[in-house]
């Protein structure tokens, strides 16, 4: 499995390992916005929207290419959920404020959400720095109770989080569990990369899988990295199989999760079952041609290797 599927799991990994426990955490009340200039749209008071609005705060800059690439996605998100109370706000504190307004004006309807210029970095400090983050773009979702419910890259998981929060299906407890698991994950990746302390790795791995037993996305990501991360000198193939199997049981119709399970089956020597599972992944990706193409290539590779075996 390669290409887009690999990049997807790499992106998810960055999200999970990028948020340490700092001065603020998921579930905490959202700090008020300190804005020097509202460049597009009306001023927003987070407290006034409590009980009715869900907010996406996206920190960006005109010079940041990934930020610019996220703009169409944020516009689509705002339009899709506007009638359900979503308010998207792009916040920048770049050093050249005179560059922002012309950029936003040139984008026009392509940047169809509220845009603001930070007041002397106060909002950036209250969110980005308080979470211990460094890079942009980065988004936060504030739920109707005024809590920070989600944090991550706007291209990975934002829409799913918004949809679940708006429709009352989001589990803040599960998100907090992810945060609590970060030290275990960090330690595991360090030891696996060094190839040291196999006994501790086995214990850590089981703790991680048990703690994330209801989180298919991170279970699948963890399994995928055990199987494929280039710098890992120790691979617990049995743990990867257990984690990805559990992820499949939870995720049901996710093609990418089934593809990880297929890879785990293959690497554990269960090759016929791996082929059948990969076929299921391909079928689940029928509405996504790009992912389906990658999964079909992996399936063809599995089938060819299986045929060539004595």
Protein backbone atom coordinates (compact mmCIF):
# COMPACT_ATOMS: atom_id res chain seq x y z
CA UNK A 1 0.00 0.00 0.00
CA UNK A 2 1.49 3.34 -1.00
CA UNK A 3 0.78 6.72 -2.51
CA UNK A 4 -2.30 8.49 -1.21
CA UNK A 5 -3.05 5.89 1.47
CA UNK A 6 0.46 6.22 2.90
CA UNK A 7 0.20 10.01 2.89
CA UNK A 8 -3.14 9.81 4.67
CA UNK A 9 -1.75 7.81 7.57
CA UNK A 10 1.38 9.97 7.69
CA UNK A 11 -0.86 13.00 8.06
CA UNK A 12 -2.85 11.39 10.83
CA UNK A 13 0.35 10.53 12.64
CA UNK A 14 1.45 14.15 12.58
CA UNK A 15 -1.85 15.13 14.12
CA UNK A 16 -1.66 12.65 16.93
CA UNK A 17 1.94 13.35 17.89
CA UNK A 18 1.75 17.12 17.45
CA UNK A 19 -0.39 18.05 20.46
CA UNK A 20 1.31 17.77 23.86
CA UNK A 21 -0.37 18.58 27.15
CA UNK A 22 0.25 22.30 27.76
CA UNK A 23 -1.56 25.19 29.41
CA UNK A 24 -4.82 24.40 27.65
CA UNK A 25 -6.39 21.12 26.61
CA UNK A 26 -9.40 19.66 24.87
CA UNK A 27 -12.57 20.29 26.83
CA UNK A 28 -11.36 23.57 28.30
CA UNK A 29 -13.38 26.76 27.72
CA UNK A 30 -12.33 28.52 24.52
CA UNK A 31 -10.38 31.73 25.19
CA UNK A 32 -11.99 34.91 23.82
CA UNK A 33 -10.79 36.25 20.48
CA UNK A 34 -8.55 39.32 20.58
CA UNK A 35 -8.78 40.82 17.12
CA UNK A 36 -7.19 44.01 15.79
CA UNK A 37 -9.15 44.04 12.52
CA UNK A 38 -12.03 42.07 11.05
CA UNK A 39 -10.95 41.88 7.42
CA UNK A 40 -13.95 39.97 6.08
CA UNK A 41 -17.29 39.34 7.71
CA UNK A 42 -18.82 40.68 10.91
CA UNK A 43 -17.03 40.66 14.29
CA UNK A 44 -17.53 37.43 16.23
CA UNK A 45 -18.05 37.10 19.98
CA UNK A 46 -17.59 33.47 20.97
CA UNK A 47 -19.51 33.95 24.22
CA UNK A 48 -22.52 35.35 22.36
CA UNK A 49 -22.68 32.26 20.18
CA UNK A 50 -22.65 29.80 23.05
CA UNK A 51 -25.58 27.42 22.82
CA UNK A 52 -26.20 27.95 19.12
CA UNK A 53 -22.96 28.14 17.12
CA UNK A 54 -20.06 25.82 16.38
CA UNK A 55 -16.84 27.63 15.49
CA UNK A 56 -13.81 26.66 13.46
CA UNK A 57 -10.77 28.82 14.19
CA UNK A 58 -8.09 28.32 11.55
CA UNK A 59 -4.69 29.93 12.04
CA UNK A 60 -3.05 30.77 8.71
CA UNK A 61 -0.85 33.21 6.76
CA UNK A 62 -0.72 34.41 3.18
CA UNK A 63 2.87 33.14 2.76
CA UNK A 64 1.96 29.61 3.94
CA UNK A 65 1.30 27.30 0.97
CA UNK A 66 -0.51 24.58 2.98
CA UNK A 67 -2.69 27.36 4.43
CA UNK A 68 -3.62 28.57 0.97
CA UNK A 69 -4.37 24.99 -0.10
CA UNK A 70 -6.79 24.66 2.84
CA UNK A 71 -8.87 27.70 1.83
CA UNK A 72 -11.18 25.88 -0.66
CA UNK A 73 -11.85 23.16 1.90
CA UNK A 74 -12.74 25.72 4.59
CA UNK A 75 -15.01 27.57 2.16
CA UNK A 76 -16.79 24.34 1.30
CA UNK A 77 -17.13 23.51 4.99
CA UNK A 78 -18.63 26.93 5.79
CA UNK A 79 -21.16 26.68 2.97
CA UNK A 80 -22.12 23.11 3.82
CA UNK A 81 -22.85 23.72 7.51
CA UNK A 82 -23.76 27.43 7.55
CA UNK A 83 -27.46 26.78 8.14
CA UNK A 84 -26.57 24.50 11.06
CA UNK A 85 -24.73 27.24 12.90
CA UNK A 86 -21.13 26.78 11.76
CA UNK A 87 -18.93 29.87 11.71
CA UNK A 88 -15.46 29.52 10.18
CA UNK A 89 -12.89 32.18 11.11
CA UNK A 90 -9.45 32.44 9.54
CA UNK A 91 -7.06 34.20 11.94
CA UNK A 92 -3.63 35.48 10.95
CA UNK A 93 -0.93 37.38 12.80
CA UNK A 94 1.70 37.51 10.08
CA UNK A 95 4.28 40.28 10.18
CA UNK A 96 2.98 42.09 7.11
CA UNK A 97 -0.65 43.03 7.89
CA UNK A 98 -0.91 45.10 4.70
CA UNK A 99 -0.65 41.89 2.65
CA UNK A 100 -3.71 40.29 4.18
CA UNK A 101 -6.60 42.50 3.01
CA UNK A 102 -5.53 42.52 -0.67
CA UNK A 103 -5.06 38.76 -0.58
CA UNK A 104 -8.54 38.22 0.88
CA UNK A 105 -10.09 40.67 -1.60
CA UNK A 106 -8.43 38.89 -4.51
CA UNK A 107 -9.71 35.51 -3.30
CA UNK A 108 -13.29 36.84 -3.25
CA UNK A 109 -15.90 34.08 -2.96
CA UNK A 110 -13.16 31.45 -3.02
CA UNK A 111 -12.44 32.49 0.56
CA UNK A 112 -16.05 32.60 1.69
CA UNK A 113 -15.73 32.83 5.46
CA UNK A 114 -14.80 35.32 8.18
CA UNK A 115 -11.18 36.54 8.23
CA UNK A 116 -9.49 38.41 11.06
CA UNK A 117 -6.10 39.92 11.94
CA UNK A 118 -4.85 39.04 15.42
CA UNK A 119 -4.30 41.74 18.01
CA UNK A 120 -0.59 41.68 18.80
CA UNK A 121 -0.47 37.84 18.72
CA UNK A 122 -2.89 37.55 21.66
CA UNK A 123 -5.24 35.03 20.01
CA UNK A 124 -2.33 33.06 18.57
CA UNK A 125 -0.79 32.85 22.03
CA UNK A 126 -4.10 31.82 23.63
CA UNK A 127 -4.51 28.89 21.23
CA UNK A 128 -1.42 27.90 19.24
CA UNK A 129 1.18 28.61 21.92
CA UNK A 130 -1.03 27.44 24.79
CA UNK A 131 -1.34 24.04 23.06
CA UNK A 132 2.43 23.89 22.56
CA UNK A 133 2.08 24.08 18.78
CA UNK A 134 4.43 25.67 16.28
CA UNK A 135 3.24 25.22 12.72
CA UNK A 136 0.35 26.44 10.64
CA UNK A 137 -2.20 25.83 9.30
CA UNK A 138 -3.88 24.60 12.44
CA UNK A 139 -7.57 24.50 13.28
CA UNK A 140 -9.61 24.35 16.47
CA UNK A 141 -13.30 23.49 16.74
CA UNK A 142 -15.35 25.08 19.51
CA UNK A 143 -18.58 23.29 20.34
CA UNK A 144 -21.92 24.81 21.32
CA UNK A 145 -20.93 24.62 24.99
CA UNK A 146 -18.01 26.93 24.28
CA UNK A 147 -15.36 24.22 24.76
CA UNK A 148 -12.36 23.43 22.59
CA UNK A 149 -13.53 20.10 21.22
CA UNK A 150 -11.02 19.37 18.45
CA UNK A 151 -7.54 20.45 17.37
CA UNK A 152 -5.60 19.50 14.26
CA UNK A 153 -4.59 20.14 10.67
CA UNK A 154 -7.59 21.42 8.65
CA UNK A 155 -7.05 18.76 5.98
CA UNK A 156 -7.12 15.78 8.33
CA UNK A 157 -10.26 15.04 10.31
CA UNK A 158 -11.72 18.55 10.54
CA UNK A 159 -14.86 17.93 8.51
CA UNK A 160 -15.59 14.67 10.31
CA UNK A 161 -15.21 16.42 13.68
CA UNK A 162 -17.45 19.33 12.61
CA UNK A 163 -20.13 16.98 11.32
CA UNK A 164 -20.11 14.91 14.51
CA UNK A 165 -20.15 17.97 16.78
CA UNK A 166 -23.00 19.63 14.89
CA UNK A 167 -25.05 16.43 14.88
CA UNK A 168 -24.37 15.54 18.50
CA UNK A 169 -22.29 12.45 17.72
CA UNK A 170 -18.86 13.68 18.81
CA UNK A 171 -17.19 12.10 21.82
CA UNK A 172 -15.09 14.58 23.72
CA UNK A 173 -14.18 11.78 26.12
CA UNK A 174 -12.63 9.80 23.24
CA UNK A 175 -10.70 12.88 22.12
CA UNK A 176 -9.38 13.32 25.65
CA UNK A 177 -8.35 9.66 25.72
CA UNK A 178 -6.24 10.30 22.65
CA UNK A 179 -4.50 13.14 24.46
CA UNK A 180 -3.86 10.94 27.49
CA UNK A 181 -2.33 8.27 25.25
CA UNK A 182 0.19 10.64 23.66
CA UNK A 183 2.99 10.00 26.19
CA UNK A 184 2.63 6.23 25.64
CA UNK A 185 2.70 6.66 21.86
CA UNK A 186 5.70 8.97 22.01
CA UNK A 187 7.63 6.52 24.18
CA UNK A 188 6.67 3.59 21.93
CA UNK A 189 7.87 5.35 18.78
CA UNK A 190 11.15 6.30 20.46
CA UNK A 191 11.86 2.73 21.61
CA UNK A 192 10.75 1.11 18.33
CA UNK A 193 13.00 3.46 16.37
CA UNK A 194 15.93 2.61 18.63
CA UNK A 195 15.14 -1.11 18.65
CA UNK A 196 15.54 -1.21 22.40
CA UNK A 197 13.69 -2.68 25.40
CA UNK A 198 11.54 -5.25 23.63
CA UNK A 199 9.79 -6.20 26.86
CA UNK A 200 8.80 -2.59 27.56
CA UNK A 201 7.66 -2.19 23.95
CA UNK A 202 5.35 -5.19 24.24
CA UNK A 203 3.85 -3.82 27.45
CA UNK A 204 3.51 -0.32 26.04
CA UNK A 205 1.94 -1.60 22.85
CA UNK A 206 -0.74 -3.53 24.70
CA UNK A 207 -1.46 -0.54 26.93
CA UNK A 208 -1.92 1.66 23.86
CA UNK A 209 -4.26 -0.78 22.12
CA UNK A 210 -6.30 -1.28 25.29
CA UNK A 211 -6.56 2.46 25.93
CA UNK A 212 -7.58 3.16 22.32
CA UNK A 213 -9.92 0.17 22.12
CA UNK A 214 -12.79 2.35 20.85
CA UNK A 215 -10.80 4.57 18.47
CA UNK A 216 -10.56 2.93 15.03
CA UNK A 217 -8.69 5.80 13.39
CA UNK A 218 -5.73 5.81 15.77
CA UNK A 219 -5.71 2.02 16.13
CA UNK A 220 -5.37 1.70 12.36
CA UNK A 221 -2.72 4.40 12.24
CA UNK A 222 -0.74 2.70 15.02
CA UNK A 223 -0.95 -0.65 13.23
CA UNK A 224 0.11 0.89 9.93
CA UNK A 225 3.19 2.48 11.48
CA UNK A 226 4.24 -0.74 13.18
CA UNK A 227 4.05 -2.43 9.78
CA UNK A 228 5.65 0.21 7.59
CA UNK A 229 7.53 2.94 9.44
CA UNK A 230 10.98 2.92 7.89
CA UNK A 231 12.92 3.82 11.05
CA UNK A 232 11.30 1.17 13.26
CA UNK A 233 13.89 -1.44 14.22
CA UNK A 234 11.32 -3.52 16.13
CA UNK A 235 7.98 -4.59 14.69
CA UNK A 236 5.35 -6.33 16.81
CA UNK A 237 3.39 -7.92 13.97
CA UNK A 238 0.93 -9.61 16.30
CA UNK A 239 0.09 -6.29 17.94
CA UNK A 240 -0.39 -4.66 14.53
CA UNK A 241 -2.79 -7.45 13.58
CA UNK A 242 -4.81 -7.12 16.78
CA UNK A 243 -4.98 -3.32 16.51
CA UNK A 244 -6.08 -3.29 12.87
CA UNK A 245 -8.62 -6.09 13.40
CA UNK A 246 -10.20 -4.11 16.24
CA UNK A 247 -10.19 -0.98 14.05
CA UNK A 248 -12.09 -2.87 11.34
CA UNK A 249 -14.65 -4.10 13.84
CA UNK A 250 -15.26 -0.50 14.90
CA UNK A 251 -14.96 1.32 11.56
CA UNK A 252 -17.11 -0.97 9.44
CA UNK A 253 -17.10 0.65 6.02
CA UNK A 254 -13.77 2.49 5.91
CA UNK A 255 -11.66 1.31 2.99
CA UNK A 256 -8.40 2.67 4.40
CA UNK A 257 -8.85 0.77 7.67
CA UNK A 258 -9.55 -2.50 5.85
CA UNK A 259 -6.42 -1.92 3.75
CA UNK A 260 -4.32 -1.66 6.90
CA UNK A 261 -5.88 -4.86 8.23
CA UNK A 262 -5.07 -6.58 4.92
CA UNK A 263 -1.44 -5.49 5.22
CA UNK A 264 -1.28 -6.79 8.80
CA UNK A 265 -2.73 -10.13 7.73
CA UNK A 266 -0.21 -10.37 4.90
CA UNK A 267 2.77 -9.58 7.08
CA UNK A 268 1.57 -12.17 9.61
CA UNK A 269 1.55 -14.85 6.92
CA UNK A 270 -2.24 -14.99 6.49
CA UNK A 271 -1.99 -14.22 2.80
CA UNK A 272 -5.21 -15.67 1.42
CA UNK A 273 -7.20 -13.84 4.07
CA UNK A 274 -5.21 -10.69 3.29
CA UNK A 275 -6.26 -10.86 -0.36
CA UNK A 276 -9.93 -11.23 0.56
CA UNK A 277 -9.69 -8.31 2.99
CA UNK A 278 -7.98 -6.14 0.37
CA UNK A 279 -10.79 -6.95 -2.06
CA UNK A 280 -13.23 -5.70 0.57
CA UNK A 281 -11.20 -2.49 0.87
CA UNK A 282 -11.36 -1.95 -2.90
CA UNK A 283 -15.13 -2.48 -2.89
CA UNK A 284 -15.56 0.02 -0.06
CA UNK A 285 -13.61 2.64 -2.03
CA UNK A 286 -15.85 2.50 -5.09
CA UNK A 287 -16.95 6.12 -4.63
CA UNK A 288 -13.39 7.42 -4.28
CA UNK A 289 -11.46 6.76 -7.52
CA UNK A 290 -8.11 8.03 -6.25
CA UNK A 291 -7.99 5.83 -3.16
CA UNK A 292 -9.53 2.93 -5.08
CA UNK A 293 -6.70 3.06 -7.63
CA UNK A 294 -4.06 2.74 -4.92
CA UNK A 295 -5.94 -0.10 -3.25
CA UNK A 296 -6.33 -1.93 -6.55
CA UNK A 297 -2.57 -1.73 -7.13
CA UNK A 298 -1.93 -3.24 -3.71
CA UNK A 299 -4.50 -5.97 -4.40
CA UNK A 300 -2.84 -6.84 -7.72
CA UNK A 301 0.51 -7.04 -5.96
CA UNK A 302 -0.87 -9.35 -3.26
CA UNK A 303 -2.53 -11.60 -5.85
CA UNK A 304 0.61 -11.80 -7.98
CA UNK A 305 2.78 -12.75 -5.01
CA UNK A 306 0.25 -15.30 -3.85
CA UNK A 307 0.18 -16.95 -7.30
CA UNK A 308 3.96 -17.10 -7.51
CA UNK A 309 4.26 -19.03 -4.27
CA UNK A 310 4.92 -22.78 -4.57
